[in-house]
Amino acid sequence: MRTSIFTLALIALLTLVSCNSEPTLQKYFVENSEKKDFIALDVSPNILNVDKARLSAEQNEALNSFDKMNILAFKADQSNQVEFETERTKVKAILKDPKYQELMKFGSGRDGASVSYVGSDDNIKEFVIFANRKETGFAVVRVLGEDMNPNNIMTLMSVLQKSKIDMEQLKPLEQLLKK
């Protein structure tokens, strides 16, 4: 009887400890992907539509470190400015977590963008791009991969220039760009 009570108490304690109630970007994506003002999109590396045989070894390494992109965008208009401010504040609070290391920031707090990452300098698991503009909304882009580093991201930009991007995968974002 004592061991079963002890076991039950231990399981309950482990369950409580393992439940992380802190907000994360992943939780934020899951909670908001189906809401009416949001557009969610998962993009695979094949969107780039590149001939890997024409890439350098460095470019292939950068491309192979990239697994997928998750995009969550909030489309702002005159009727949802309060929700826009609330949601933008939530994202900014999540990105203040020390695990998100800010690489750079552009513009002001009202209109601007930031690039952050999760991981160490030579083993980045996730790049996060957060861009917002009061008139149109905001977008959060999670670039997920293994063993990414800042050089890989810069190299990936050169691969983007050579790619024939599959625009069909980006069709849902057209709604965000239309006013």
C-alpha atoms as a PDB file:
ATOM      1  CA  MET A   1       0.000   0.000   0.000  1.00  0.00           C
ATOM      2  CA  ARG A   2       2.805   2.409   0.948  1.00  0.00           C
ATOM      3  CA  THR A   3       4.713   1.734  -2.254  1.00  0.00           C
ATOM      4  CA  SER A   4       1.670   2.337  -4.420  1.00  0.00           C
ATOM      5  CA  ILE A   5       0.999   5.688  -2.697  1.00  0.00           C
ATOM      6  CA  PHE A   6       4.683   6.604  -3.059  1.00  0.00           C
ATOM      7  CA  THR A   7       4.645   5.557  -6.735  1.00  0.00           C
ATOM      8  CA  LEU A   8       1.465   7.529  -7.385  1.00  0.00           C
ATOM      9  CA  ALA A   9       2.919  10.616  -5.683  1.00  0.00           C
ATOM     10  CA  LEU A  10       6.144  10.285  -7.675  1.00  0.00           C
ATOM     11  CA  ILE A  11       4.249   9.997 -10.970  1.00  0.00           C
ATOM     12  CA  ALA A  12       2.113  13.029 -10.101  1.00  0.00           C
ATOM     13  CA  LEU A  13       5.229  15.043  -9.208  1.00  0.00           C
ATOM     14  CA  LEU A  14       7.004  14.052 -12.431  1.00  0.00           C
ATOM     15  CA  THR A  15       3.931  14.956 -14.455  1.00  0.00           C
ATOM     16  CA  LEU A  16       3.764  18.414 -12.872  1.00  0.00           C
ATOM     17  CA  VAL A  17       7.483  19.016 -13.317  1.00  0.00           C
ATOM     18  CA  SER A  18       7.464  17.891 -16.951  1.00  0.00           C
ATOM     19  CA  CYS A  19       4.558  20.182 -17.879  1.00  0.00           C
ATOM     20  CA  ASN A  20       6.170  23.393 -19.027  1.00  0.00           C
ATOM     21  CA  SER A  21       3.607  26.163 -18.867  1.00  0.00           C
ATOM     22  CA  GLU A  22       5.974  28.775 -20.282  1.00  0.00           C
ATOM     23  CA  PRO A  23       4.941  30.047 -23.698  1.00  0.00           C
ATOM     24  CA  THR A  24       7.098  28.884 -26.596  1.00  0.00           C
ATOM     25  CA  LEU A  25       7.037  29.751 -30.254  1.00  0.00           C
ATOM     26  CA  GLN A  26       6.029  26.203 -31.109  1.00  0.00           C
ATOM     27  CA  LYS A  27       3.040  26.381 -28.726  1.00  0.00           C
ATOM     28  CA  TYR A  28       2.145  29.794 -30.132  1.00  0.00           C
ATOM     29  CA  PHE A  29       2.132  28.397 -33.679  1.00  0.00           C
ATOM     30  CA  VAL A  30      -0.057  25.448 -32.666  1.00  0.00           C
ATOM     31  CA  GLU A  31      -2.524  27.583 -30.699  1.00  0.00           C
ATOM     32  CA  ASN A  32      -2.979  30.170 -33.459  1.00  0.00           C
ATOM     33  CA  SER A  33      -2.622  28.310 -36.751  1.00  0.00           C
ATOM     34  CA  GLU A  34      -6.380  27.752 -37.082  1.00  0.00           C
ATOM     35  CA  LYS A  35      -7.560  31.203 -35.937  1.00  0.00           C
ATOM     36  CA  LYS A  36      -9.286  33.460 -38.473  1.00  0.00           C
ATOM     37  CA  ASP A  37      -6.771  36.337 -38.516  1.00  0.00           C
ATOM     38  CA  PHE A  38      -3.787  34.007 -38.914  1.00  0.00           C
ATOM     39  CA  ILE A  39      -2.260  32.276 -41.911  1.00  0.00           C
ATOM     40  CA  ALA A  40      -0.076  29.244 -41.172  1.00  0.00           C
ATOM     41  CA  LEU A  41       2.230  27.613 -43.652  1.00  0.00           C
ATOM     42  CA  ASP A  42       4.834  24.843 -43.519  1.00  0.00           C
ATOM     43  CA  VAL A  43       7.429  25.014 -46.250  1.00  0.00           C
ATOM     44  CA  SER A  44       9.773  22.178 -47.173  1.00  0.00           C
ATOM     45  CA  PRO A  45      13.243  22.562 -48.735  1.00  0.00           C
ATOM     46  CA  ASN A  46      11.901  21.381 -52.095  1.00  0.00           C
ATOM     47  CA  ILE A  47      10.273  24.822 -52.488  1.00  0.00           C
ATOM     48  CA  LEU A  48      13.670  26.018 -53.678  1.00  0.00           C
ATOM     49  CA  ASN A  49      13.553  23.706 -56.681  1.00  0.00           C
ATOM     50  CA  VAL A  50      17.332  23.773 -57.279  1.00  0.00           C
ATOM     51  CA  ASP A  51      19.577  21.483 -59.275  1.00  0.00           C
ATOM     52  CA  LYS A  52      21.794  20.100 -56.495  1.00  0.00           C
ATOM     53  CA  ALA A  53      24.370  18.964 -59.062  1.00  0.00           C
ATOM     54  CA  ARG A  54      25.033  22.623 -59.898  1.00  0.00           C
ATOM     55  CA  LEU A  55      25.635  23.628 -56.271  1.00  0.00           C
ATOM     56  CA  SER A  56      29.030  23.837 -54.605  1.00  0.00           C
ATOM     57  CA  ALA A  57      29.857  21.557 -51.669  1.00  0.00           C
ATOM     58  CA  GLU A  58      29.322  24.495 -49.313  1.00  0.00           C
ATOM     59  CA  GLN A  59      25.918  25.266 -50.851  1.00  0.00           C
ATOM     60  CA  ASN A  60      24.865  21.604 -50.627  1.00  0.00           C
ATOM     61  CA  GLU A  61      25.921  21.517 -46.967  1.00  0.00           C
ATOM     62  CA  ALA A  62      23.868  24.648 -46.237  1.00  0.00           C
ATOM     63  CA  LEU A  63      20.849  23.234 -48.077  1.00  0.00           C
ATOM     64  CA  ASN A  64      21.141  19.903 -46.234  1.00  0.00           C
ATOM     65  CA  SER A  65      21.220  21.658 -42.842  1.00  0.00           C
ATOM     66  CA  PHE A  66      17.794  23.176 -43.552  1.00  0.00           C
ATOM     67  CA  ASP A  67      14.834  20.906 -42.676  1.00  0.00           C
ATOM     68  CA  LYS A  68      11.760  23.111 -43.025  1.00  0.00           C
ATOM     69  CA  MET A  69      10.206  26.508 -42.448  1.00  0.00           C
ATOM     70  CA  ASN A  70       7.101  27.263 -40.424  1.00  0.00           C
ATOM     71  CA  ILE A  71       5.417  30.568 -41.173  1.00  0.00           C
ATOM     72  CA  LEU A  72       2.678  32.131 -39.080  1.00  0.00           C
ATOM     73  CA  ALA A  73       1.311  35.485 -40.176  1.00  0.00           C
ATOM     74  CA  PHE A  74      -1.298  37.759 -38.620  1.00  0.00           C
ATOM     75  CA  LYS A  75      -3.197  39.861 -41.150  1.00  0.00           C
ATOM     76  CA  ALA A  76      -4.025  43.225 -39.598  1.00  0.00           C
ATOM     77  CA  ASP A  77      -6.781  45.556 -40.739  1.00  0.00           C
ATOM     78  CA  GLN A  78      -8.831  48.398 -39.259  1.00  0.00           C
ATOM     79  CA  SER A  79     -11.148  46.041 -37.377  1.00  0.00           C
ATOM     80  CA  ASN A  80      -8.538  43.961 -35.511  1.00  0.00           C
ATOM     81  CA  GLN A  81      -5.928  46.447 -34.299  1.00  0.00           C
ATOM     82  CA  VAL A  82      -6.474  45.492 -30.633  1.00  0.00           C
ATOM     83  CA  GLU A  83      -5.914  41.805 -31.414  1.00  0.00           C
ATOM     84  CA  PHE A  84      -2.892  42.737 -33.546  1.00  0.00           C
ATOM     85  CA  GLU A  85      -1.283  44.600 -30.633  1.00  0.00           C
ATOM     86  CA  THR A  86      -2.100  41.757 -28.210  1.00  0.00           C
ATOM     87  CA  GLU A  87      -0.665  39.063 -30.473  1.00  0.00           C
ATOM     88  CA  ARG A  88       2.413  41.110 -31.374  1.00  0.00           C
ATOM     89  CA  THR A  89       3.095  41.654 -27.672  1.00  0.00           C
ATOM     90  CA  LYS A  90       2.819  37.893 -27.049  1.00  0.00           C
ATOM     91  CA  VAL A  91       5.374  37.107 -29.767  1.00  0.00           C
ATOM     92  CA  LYS A  92       7.762  39.781 -28.502  1.00  0.00           C
ATOM     93  CA  ALA A  93       7.486  38.342 -24.965  1.00  0.00           C
ATOM     94  CA  ILE A  94       8.288  34.841 -26.236  1.00  0.00           C
ATOM     95  CA  LEU A  95      11.314  36.144 -28.146  1.00  0.00           C
ATOM     96  CA  LYS A  96      12.638  37.815 -24.972  1.00  0.00           C
ATOM     97  CA  ASP A  97      13.288  34.343 -23.537  1.00  0.00           C
ATOM     98  CA  PRO A  98      17.090  33.956 -23.186  1.00  0.00           C
ATOM     99  CA  LYS A  99      17.039  30.851 -25.412  1.00  0.00           C
ATOM    100  CA  TYR A 100      16.299  33.144 -28.385  1.00  0.00           C
ATOM    101  CA  GLN A 101      19.577  34.946 -29.057  1.00  0.00           C
ATOM    102  CA  GLU A 102      19.041  38.055 -31.156  1.00  0.00           C
ATOM    103  CA  LEU A 103      21.367  38.368 -34.149  1.00  0.00           C
ATOM    104  CA  MET A 104      20.074  41.615 -35.603  1.00  0.00           C
ATOM    105  CA  LYS A 105      17.212  44.059 -35.507  1.00  0.00           C
ATOM    106  CA  PHE A 106      15.861  46.422 -38.175  1.00  0.00           C
ATOM    107  CA  GLY A 107      13.518  49.392 -37.866  1.00  0.00           C
ATOM    108  CA  SER A 108      11.628  50.518 -34.797  1.00  0.00           C
ATOM    109  CA  GLY A 109       9.432  48.614 -32.356  1.00  0.00           C
ATOM    110  CA  ARG A 110       6.254  49.557 -34.251  1.00  0.00           C
ATOM    111  CA  ASP A 111       7.507  48.616 -37.721  1.00  0.00           C
ATOM    112  CA  GLY A 112      10.536  46.427 -38.019  1.00  0.00           C
ATOM    113  CA  ALA A 113      12.094  43.022 -37.980  1.00  0.00           C
ATOM    114  CA  SER A 114      14.448  40.903 -35.944  1.00  0.00           C
ATOM    115  CA  VAL A 115      16.455  37.745 -36.528  1.00  0.00           C
ATOM    116  CA  SER A 116      17.132  35.426 -33.594  1.00  0.00           C
ATOM    117  CA  TYR A 117      18.387  31.893 -33.192  1.00  0.00           C
ATOM    118  CA  VAL A 118      18.189  28.940 -30.810  1.00  0.00           C
ATOM    119  CA  GLY A 119      21.300  26.866 -30.148  1.00  0.00           C
ATOM    120  CA  SER A 120      25.000  27.592 -30.133  1.00  0.00           C
ATOM    121  CA  ASP A 121      26.965  29.556 -32.734  1.00  0.00           C
ATOM    122  CA  ASP A 122      28.075  26.405 -34.537  1.00  0.00           C
ATOM    123  CA  ASN A 123      24.977  24.261 -33.969  1.00  0.00           C
ATOM    124  CA  ILE A 124      21.882  26.343 -34.574  1.00  0.00           C
ATOM    125  CA  LYS A 125      18.592  24.432 -34.352  1.00  0.00           C
ATOM    126  CA  GLU A 126      16.270  27.261 -35.320  1.00  0.00           C
ATOM    127  CA  PHE A 127      16.414  30.725 -36.863  1.00  0.00           C
ATOM    128  CA  VAL A 128      13.467  32.998 -36.093  1.00  0.00           C
ATOM    129  CA  ILE A 129      12.553  35.963 -38.247  1.00  0.00           C
ATOM    130  CA  PHE A 130       9.909  38.282 -36.813  1.00  0.00           C
ATOM    131  CA  ALA A 131       8.659  41.139 -38.993  1.00  0.00           C
ATOM    132  CA  ASN A 132       5.797  43.486 -38.193  1.00  0.00           C
ATOM    133  CA  ARG A 133       4.041  46.488 -39.628  1.00  0.00           C
ATOM    134  CA  LYS A 134       0.999  48.064 -38.028  1.00  0.00           C
ATOM    135  CA  GLU A 135      -0.855  48.500 -41.333  1.00  0.00           C
ATOM    136  CA  THR A 136      -0.449  44.926 -42.610  1.00  0.00           C
ATOM    137  CA  GLY A 137       0.309  42.689 -39.627  1.00  0.00           C
ATOM    138  CA  PHE A 138       3.223  40.522 -38.651  1.00  0.00           C
ATOM    139  CA  ALA A 139       4.884  37.293 -39.625  1.00  0.00           C
ATOM    140  CA  VAL A 140       7.004  34.859 -37.651  1.00  0.00           C
ATOM    141  CA  VAL A 141       9.204  32.518 -39.668  1.00  0.00           C
ATOM    142  CA  ARG A 142      10.897  29.568 -38.009  1.00  0.00           C
ATOM    143  CA  VAL A 143      13.729  28.078 -40.081  1.00  0.00           C
ATOM    144  CA  LEU A 144      14.403  24.653 -38.570  1.00  0.00           C
ATOM    145  CA  GLY A 145      17.408  22.466 -39.207  1.00  0.00           C
ATOM    146  CA  GLU A 146      20.379  20.591 -37.826  1.00  0.00           C
ATOM    147  CA  ASP A 147      23.905  21.908 -37.378  1.00  0.00           C
ATOM    148  CA  MET A 148      23.047  25.218 -39.037  1.00  0.00           C
ATOM    149  CA  ASN A 149      25.380  28.146 -38.519  1.00  0.00           C
ATOM    150  CA  PRO A 150      25.358  31.789 -39.627  1.00  0.00           C
ATOM    151  CA  ASN A 151      27.551  30.914 -42.635  1.00  0.00           C
ATOM    152  CA  ASN A 152      24.987  28.300 -43.745  1.00  0.00           C
ATOM    153  CA  ILE A 153      22.255  30.922 -43.676  1.00  0.00           C
ATOM    154  CA  MET A 154      24.328  33.335 -45.752  1.00  0.00           C
ATOM    155  CA  THR A 155      25.170  30.513 -48.176  1.00  0.00           C
ATOM    156  CA  LEU A 156      21.492  29.545 -48.309  1.00  0.00           C
ATOM    157  CA  MET A 157      20.775  33.099 -49.477  1.00  0.00           C
ATOM    158  CA  SER A 158      23.050  32.508 -52.483  1.00  0.00           C
ATOM    159  CA  VAL A 159      21.186  29.254 -53.173  1.00  0.00           C
ATOM    160  CA  LEU A 160      17.918  31.229 -53.108  1.00  0.00           C
ATOM    161  CA  GLN A 161      19.220  33.379 -55.946  1.00  0.00           C
ATOM    162  CA  LYS A 162      19.781  30.259 -58.079  1.00  0.00           C
ATOM    163  CA  SER A 163      16.475  28.663 -57.176  1.00  0.00           C
ATOM    164  CA  LYS A 164      13.211  28.527 -59.044  1.00  0.00           C
ATOM    165  CA  ILE A 165      10.942  28.904 -56.028  1.00  0.00           C
ATOM    166  CA  ASP A 166       7.761  26.828 -56.172  1.00  0.00           C
ATOM    167  CA  MET A 167       5.258  29.659 -55.712  1.00  0.00           C
ATOM    168  CA  GLU A 168       2.392  27.180 -55.258  1.00  0.00           C
ATOM    169  CA  GLN A 169       3.641  26.450 -51.717  1.00  0.00           C
ATOM    170  CA  LEU A 170       3.488  30.166 -50.896  1.00  0.00           C
ATOM    171  CA  LYS A 171      -0.028  30.771 -52.261  1.00  0.00           C
ATOM    172  CA  PRO A 172      -1.642  31.110 -48.795  1.00  0.00           C
ATOM    173  CA  LEU A 173       0.573  34.132 -48.103  1.00  0.00           C
ATOM    174  CA  GLU A 174      -1.044  36.029 -50.972  1.00  0.00           C
ATOM    175  CA  GLN A 175      -3.963  36.753 -48.620  1.00  0.00           C
ATOM    176  CA  LEU A 176      -1.590  38.592 -46.292  1.00  0.00           C
ATOM    177  CA  LEU A 177      -0.137  40.723 -49.054  1.00  0.00           C
ATOM    178  CA  LYS A 178      -3.534  41.808 -50.400  1.00  0.00           C
ATOM    179  CA  LYS A 179      -5.067  44.863 -48.765  1.00  0.00           C
END
